[in-house]
Amino acid sequence: MIIKHNKKMKTKILSLLLIIAFTFIFKLDLSATEQTPDVLIIGKDSFYLHSFPIEKLNFKENMNPFDTGFFVSTNCWRGYQAIWEIKDNKLLLQKIVKCNTDTEIDYNSVISYFEKNGYKPKLINGKIFAEWYSANLIKCENFQLSNKHLQEAAKIKKKQQVAFKFINGELILKI
């Protein structure tokens, strides 16, 4: 009888502990780290983006593709930040920098990465033309942070976003 009683008591205690543990876990405010945004340059203005145009290509080698080193920060799983520009209504990849050092990645290795994944990039004035990109580019206004620090990332609100609509890398509409 005592053995059965102890088993029931252990089961009740274990159940109670599980309920407490699950309650605690669900009460936590869990959220993912905001990723280092790409940058869009238009004339003399620059904006941080919520969009990642390179990822629209669905390359098979998409994690840390540009030899950005062993260390990858939780705010930059890709290991890099792309710098884009709109010139003559075309979306161009200006450069790519390593997140953890802000060191520019050699542009020939960027082109090589694209080709290794079966995409022959079209160059305009030495920059990759994002002719594959047919979507909205979402930018955030008042996104105040440096390339190295994401101090304001949690303050971004959806209502602060503005978009540019592209078809085959051509700007067709500012929303």
C-alpha atoms as a PDB file:
ATOM      1  CA  MET A   1       0.000   0.000   0.000  1.00  0.00           C
ATOM      2  CA  ILE A   2       2.751   2.438   0.888  1.00  0.00           C
ATOM      3  CA  ILE A   3       4.515   1.781  -2.435  1.00  0.00           C
ATOM      4  CA  LYS A   4       1.327   2.522  -4.413  1.00  0.00           C
ATOM      5  CA  HIS A   5       0.778   5.666  -2.366  1.00  0.00           C
ATOM      6  CA  ASN A   6       4.354   6.859  -3.058  1.00  0.00           C
ATOM      7  CA  LYS A   7       3.938   6.250  -6.813  1.00  0.00           C
ATOM      8  CA  LYS A   8       0.718   8.264  -6.876  1.00  0.00           C
ATOM      9  CA  MET A   9       2.346  11.038  -4.859  1.00  0.00           C
ATOM     10  CA  LYS A  10       5.384  11.141  -7.194  1.00  0.00           C
ATOM     11  CA  THR A  11       3.083  11.266 -10.214  1.00  0.00           C
ATOM     12  CA  LYS A  12       1.083  14.144  -8.710  1.00  0.00           C
ATOM     13  CA  ILE A  13       4.243  16.074  -7.802  1.00  0.00           C
ATOM     14  CA  LEU A  14       5.723  15.523 -11.272  1.00  0.00           C
ATOM     15  CA  SER A  15       2.458  16.658 -12.904  1.00  0.00           C
ATOM     16  CA  LEU A  16       2.367  19.754 -10.717  1.00  0.00           C
ATOM     17  CA  LEU A  17       5.995  20.594 -11.579  1.00  0.00           C
ATOM     18  CA  LEU A  18       5.275  20.184 -15.290  1.00  0.00           C
ATOM     19  CA  ILE A  19       2.259  22.481 -15.042  1.00  0.00           C
ATOM     20  CA  ILE A  20       4.343  25.098 -13.218  1.00  0.00           C
ATOM     21  CA  ALA A  21       7.166  24.769 -15.779  1.00  0.00           C
ATOM     22  CA  PHE A  22       4.817  25.138 -18.788  1.00  0.00           C
ATOM     23  CA  THR A  23       3.039  28.063 -17.158  1.00  0.00           C
ATOM     24  CA  PHE A  24       6.375  29.791 -16.604  1.00  0.00           C
ATOM     25  CA  ILE A  25       7.556  29.112 -20.167  1.00  0.00           C
ATOM     26  CA  PHE A  26       4.352  30.453 -21.741  1.00  0.00           C
ATOM     27  CA  LYS A  27       4.426  33.559 -19.561  1.00  0.00           C
ATOM     28  CA  LEU A  28       7.872  34.525 -20.848  1.00  0.00           C
ATOM     29  CA  ASP A  29       8.010  37.177 -23.537  1.00  0.00           C
ATOM     30  CA  LEU A  30      10.037  35.239 -26.073  1.00  0.00           C
ATOM     31  CA  SER A  31      11.078  36.966 -29.267  1.00  0.00           C
ATOM     32  CA  ALA A  32      13.743  36.460 -31.879  1.00  0.00           C
ATOM     33  CA  THR A  33      16.683  38.782 -32.314  1.00  0.00           C
ATOM     34  CA  GLU A  34      16.069  41.403 -34.999  1.00  0.00           C
ATOM     35  CA  GLN A  35      18.358  40.590 -37.914  1.00  0.00           C
ATOM     36  CA  THR A  36      20.852  43.103 -39.255  1.00  0.00           C
ATOM     37  CA  PRO A  37      18.931  44.776 -42.058  1.00  0.00           C
ATOM     38  CA  ASP A  38      20.124  45.342 -45.590  1.00  0.00           C
ATOM     39  CA  VAL A  39      20.574  48.991 -46.560  1.00  0.00           C
ATOM     40  CA  LEU A  40      18.957  50.847 -49.468  1.00  0.00           C
ATOM     41  CA  ILE A  41      20.584  53.987 -50.857  1.00  0.00           C
ATOM     42  CA  ILE A  42      18.531  56.411 -52.937  1.00  0.00           C
ATOM     43  CA  GLY A  43      20.502  59.486 -53.915  1.00  0.00           C
ATOM     44  CA  LYS A  44      21.876  60.938 -50.676  1.00  0.00           C
ATOM     45  CA  ASP A  45      19.403  59.058 -48.435  1.00  0.00           C
ATOM     46  CA  SER A  46      19.865  55.603 -46.976  1.00  0.00           C
ATOM     47  CA  PHE A  47      17.308  53.358 -45.289  1.00  0.00           C
ATOM     48  CA  TYR A  48      17.357  50.071 -43.411  1.00  0.00           C
ATOM     49  CA  LEU A  49      15.266  47.322 -44.978  1.00  0.00           C
ATOM     50  CA  HIS A  50      13.049  44.537 -43.733  1.00  0.00           C
ATOM     51  CA  SER A  51      13.496  42.833 -47.104  1.00  0.00           C
ATOM     52  CA  PHE A  52      16.401  40.645 -48.193  1.00  0.00           C
ATOM     53  CA  PRO A  53      16.486  40.582 -52.033  1.00  0.00           C
ATOM     54  CA  ILE A  54      19.344  38.055 -52.325  1.00  0.00           C
ATOM     55  CA  GLU A  55      17.243  35.499 -50.448  1.00  0.00           C
ATOM     56  CA  LYS A  56      14.578  35.690 -53.189  1.00  0.00           C
ATOM     57  CA  LEU A  57      16.997  33.695 -55.370  1.00  0.00           C
ATOM     58  CA  ASN A  58      16.667  30.673 -53.023  1.00  0.00           C
ATOM     59  CA  PHE A  59      20.311  29.699 -53.410  1.00  0.00           C
ATOM     60  CA  LYS A  60      21.303  26.304 -52.063  1.00  0.00           C
ATOM     61  CA  GLU A  61      24.237  27.900 -50.193  1.00  0.00           C
ATOM     62  CA  ASN A  62      22.427  30.555 -48.190  1.00  0.00           C
ATOM     63  CA  MET A  63      24.087  30.414 -44.762  1.00  0.00           C
ATOM     64  CA  ASN A  64      27.155  32.623 -44.439  1.00  0.00           C
ATOM     65  CA  PRO A  65      27.995  32.341 -48.162  1.00  0.00           C
ATOM     66  CA  PHE A  66      30.685  34.996 -48.515  1.00  0.00           C
ATOM     67  CA  ASP A  67      33.420  33.611 -46.207  1.00  0.00           C
ATOM     68  CA  THR A  68      32.455  35.949 -43.397  1.00  0.00           C
ATOM     69  CA  GLY A  69      34.421  33.989 -40.820  1.00  0.00           C
ATOM     70  CA  PHE A  70      33.548  31.502 -38.122  1.00  0.00           C
ATOM     71  CA  PHE A  71      31.801  33.870 -35.711  1.00  0.00           C
ATOM     72  CA  VAL A  72      28.211  34.653 -36.623  1.00  0.00           C
ATOM     73  CA  SER A  73      26.206  36.951 -34.367  1.00  0.00           C
ATOM     74  CA  THR A  74      22.608  36.091 -33.444  1.00  0.00           C
ATOM     75  CA  ASN A  75      21.559  39.379 -35.035  1.00  0.00           C
ATOM     76  CA  CYS A  76      23.136  38.362 -38.347  1.00  0.00           C
ATOM     77  CA  TRP A  77      22.741  34.672 -39.105  1.00  0.00           C
ATOM     78  CA  ARG A  78      23.483  35.361 -42.763  1.00  0.00           C
ATOM     79  CA  GLY A  79      26.907  36.698 -41.780  1.00  0.00           C
ATOM     80  CA  TYR A  80      26.608  39.625 -44.153  1.00  0.00           C
ATOM     81  CA  GLN A  81      24.675  42.795 -44.892  1.00  0.00           C
ATOM     82  CA  ALA A  82      23.839  43.769 -48.472  1.00  0.00           C
ATOM     83  CA  ILE A  83      24.007  47.419 -49.510  1.00  0.00           C
ATOM     84  CA  TRP A  84      21.575  48.224 -52.325  1.00  0.00           C
ATOM     85  CA  GLU A  85      20.980  51.321 -54.403  1.00  0.00           C
ATOM     86  CA  ILE A  86      18.308  52.525 -56.779  1.00  0.00           C
ATOM     87  CA  LYS A  87      19.876  54.137 -59.815  1.00  0.00           C
ATOM     88  CA  ASP A  88      17.910  54.966 -62.977  1.00  0.00           C
ATOM     89  CA  ASN A  89      14.965  53.080 -61.408  1.00  0.00           C
ATOM     90  CA  LYS A  90      17.009  49.872 -61.198  1.00  0.00           C
ATOM     91  CA  LEU A  91      17.829  47.941 -58.029  1.00  0.00           C
ATOM     92  CA  LEU A  92      21.600  47.390 -57.905  1.00  0.00           C
ATOM     93  CA  LEU A  93      23.731  45.518 -55.394  1.00  0.00           C
ATOM     94  CA  GLN A  94      26.368  48.064 -54.419  1.00  0.00           C
ATOM     95  CA  LYS A  95      28.379  45.917 -51.993  1.00  0.00           C
ATOM     96  CA  ILE A  96      28.233  43.311 -49.256  1.00  0.00           C
ATOM     97  CA  VAL A  97      29.852  43.742 -45.831  1.00  0.00           C
ATOM     98  CA  LYS A  98      30.570  41.283 -43.026  1.00  0.00           C
ATOM     99  CA  CYS A  99      28.279  41.933 -40.060  1.00  0.00           C
ATOM    100  CA  ASN A 100      30.794  41.293 -37.343  1.00  0.00           C
ATOM    101  CA  THR A 101      33.515  43.568 -38.764  1.00  0.00           C
ATOM    102  CA  ASP A 102      31.862  45.829 -41.369  1.00  0.00           C
ATOM    103  CA  THR A 103      34.626  44.702 -43.757  1.00  0.00           C
ATOM    104  CA  GLU A 104      33.604  44.854 -47.406  1.00  0.00           C
ATOM    105  CA  ILE A 105      33.536  41.486 -49.168  1.00  0.00           C
ATOM    106  CA  ASP A 106      35.422  41.298 -52.462  1.00  0.00           C
ATOM    107  CA  TYR A 107      32.889  41.902 -55.236  1.00  0.00           C
ATOM    108  CA  ASN A 108      34.426  39.161 -57.429  1.00  0.00           C
ATOM    109  CA  SER A 109      33.626  36.600 -54.705  1.00  0.00           C
ATOM    110  CA  VAL A 110      30.046  37.904 -54.645  1.00  0.00           C
ATOM    111  CA  ILE A 111      29.757  37.373 -58.411  1.00  0.00           C
ATOM    112  CA  SER A 112      31.394  33.954 -58.017  1.00  0.00           C
ATOM    113  CA  TYR A 113      28.851  33.020 -55.329  1.00  0.00           C
ATOM    114  CA  PHE A 114      25.970  33.914 -57.635  1.00  0.00           C
ATOM    115  CA  GLU A 115      27.491  31.892 -60.510  1.00  0.00           C
ATOM    116  CA  LYS A 116      28.260  28.898 -58.245  1.00  0.00           C
ATOM    117  CA  ASN A 117      24.536  28.799 -57.480  1.00  0.00           C
ATOM    118  CA  GLY A 118      23.561  28.768 -61.157  1.00  0.00           C
ATOM    119  CA  TYR A 119      22.760  32.465 -61.576  1.00  0.00           C
ATOM    120  CA  LYS A 120      24.730  34.563 -64.065  1.00  0.00           C
ATOM    121  CA  PRO A 121      24.404  38.107 -62.718  1.00  0.00           C
ATOM    122  CA  LYS A 122      23.767  40.953 -65.114  1.00  0.00           C
ATOM    123  CA  LEU A 123      26.131  43.835 -64.377  1.00  0.00           C
ATOM    124  CA  ILE A 124      25.289  47.514 -64.841  1.00  0.00           C
ATOM    125  CA  ASN A 125      28.227  49.860 -64.303  1.00  0.00           C
ATOM    126  CA  GLY A 126      30.031  47.047 -62.474  1.00  0.00           C
ATOM    127  CA  LYS A 127      27.163  46.362 -60.045  1.00  0.00           C
ATOM    128  CA  ILE A 128      24.824  43.385 -59.953  1.00  0.00           C
ATOM    129  CA  PHE A 129      21.385  44.279 -61.333  1.00  0.00           C
ATOM    130  CA  ALA A 130      18.683  42.545 -59.249  1.00  0.00           C
ATOM    131  CA  GLU A 131      16.629  41.518 -62.281  1.00  0.00           C
ATOM    132  CA  TRP A 132      15.341  38.492 -60.324  1.00  0.00           C
ATOM    133  CA  TYR A 133      13.618  40.723 -57.780  1.00  0.00           C
ATOM    134  CA  SER A 134       9.870  41.138 -58.309  1.00  0.00           C
ATOM    135  CA  ALA A 135       8.433  42.136 -54.938  1.00  0.00           C
ATOM    136  CA  ASN A 136       8.072  45.011 -52.533  1.00  0.00           C
ATOM    137  CA  LEU A 137      11.166  46.336 -50.836  1.00  0.00           C
ATOM    138  CA  ILE A 138      10.096  47.293 -47.332  1.00  0.00           C
ATOM    139  CA  LYS A 139      12.025  50.050 -45.591  1.00  0.00           C
ATOM    140  CA  CYS A 140      11.703  51.522 -42.143  1.00  0.00           C
ATOM    141  CA  GLU A 141      11.704  55.208 -41.487  1.00  0.00           C
ATOM    142  CA  ASN A 142      13.367  56.490 -38.298  1.00  0.00           C
ATOM    143  CA  PHE A 143      15.422  53.322 -38.000  1.00  0.00           C
ATOM    144  CA  GLN A 144      18.348  54.820 -36.087  1.00  0.00           C
ATOM    145  CA  LEU A 145      21.218  52.398 -35.624  1.00  0.00           C
ATOM    146  CA  SER A 146      24.723  51.784 -36.870  1.00  0.00           C
ATOM    147  CA  ASN A 147      25.839  48.750 -38.850  1.00  0.00           C
ATOM    148  CA  LYS A 148      27.429  47.310 -35.704  1.00  0.00           C
ATOM    149  CA  HIS A 149      24.694  47.925 -33.140  1.00  0.00           C
ATOM    150  CA  LEU A 150      20.997  47.175 -33.310  1.00  0.00           C
ATOM    151  CA  GLN A 151      19.999  49.373 -30.389  1.00  0.00           C
ATOM    152  CA  GLU A 152      16.685  50.564 -31.824  1.00  0.00           C
ATOM    153  CA  ALA A 153      15.568  47.357 -33.560  1.00  0.00           C
ATOM    154  CA  ALA A 154      12.845  46.575 -31.025  1.00  0.00           C
ATOM    155  CA  LYS A 155      11.224  49.994 -31.561  1.00  0.00           C
ATOM    156  CA  ILE A 156      10.324  49.438 -35.218  1.00  0.00           C
ATOM    157  CA  LYS A 157       6.591  49.431 -35.862  1.00  0.00           C
ATOM    158  CA  LYS A 158       4.746  48.238 -38.951  1.00  0.00           C
ATOM    159  CA  LYS A 159       3.131  51.644 -39.405  1.00  0.00           C
ATOM    160  CA  GLN A 160       6.583  53.146 -40.016  1.00  0.00           C
ATOM    161  CA  GLN A 161       7.166  51.097 -43.156  1.00  0.00           C
ATOM    162  CA  VAL A 162       7.203  52.334 -46.724  1.00  0.00           C
ATOM    163  CA  ALA A 163       7.622  50.104 -49.750  1.00  0.00           C
ATOM    164  CA  PHE A 164       9.023  50.256 -53.231  1.00  0.00           C
ATOM    165  CA  LYS A 165       7.495  47.880 -55.765  1.00  0.00           C
ATOM    166  CA  PHE A 166       9.854  46.188 -58.210  1.00  0.00           C
ATOM    167  CA  ILE A 167       9.264  43.977 -61.223  1.00  0.00           C
ATOM    168  CA  ASN A 168      12.389  42.261 -62.569  1.00  0.00           C
ATOM    169  CA  GLY A 169      14.553  44.717 -60.641  1.00  0.00           C
ATOM    170  CA  GLU A 170      12.853  47.784 -62.119  1.00  0.00           C
ATOM    171  CA  LEU A 171      11.212  50.276 -59.745  1.00  0.00           C
ATOM    172  CA  ILE A 172       7.606  50.644 -60.839  1.00  0.00           C
ATOM    173  CA  LEU A 173       5.949  52.198 -57.796  1.00  0.00           C
ATOM    174  CA  LYS A 174       6.736  53.871 -54.498  1.00  0.00           C
ATOM    175  CA  ILE A 175       3.982  52.918 -52.052  1.00  0.00           C
END
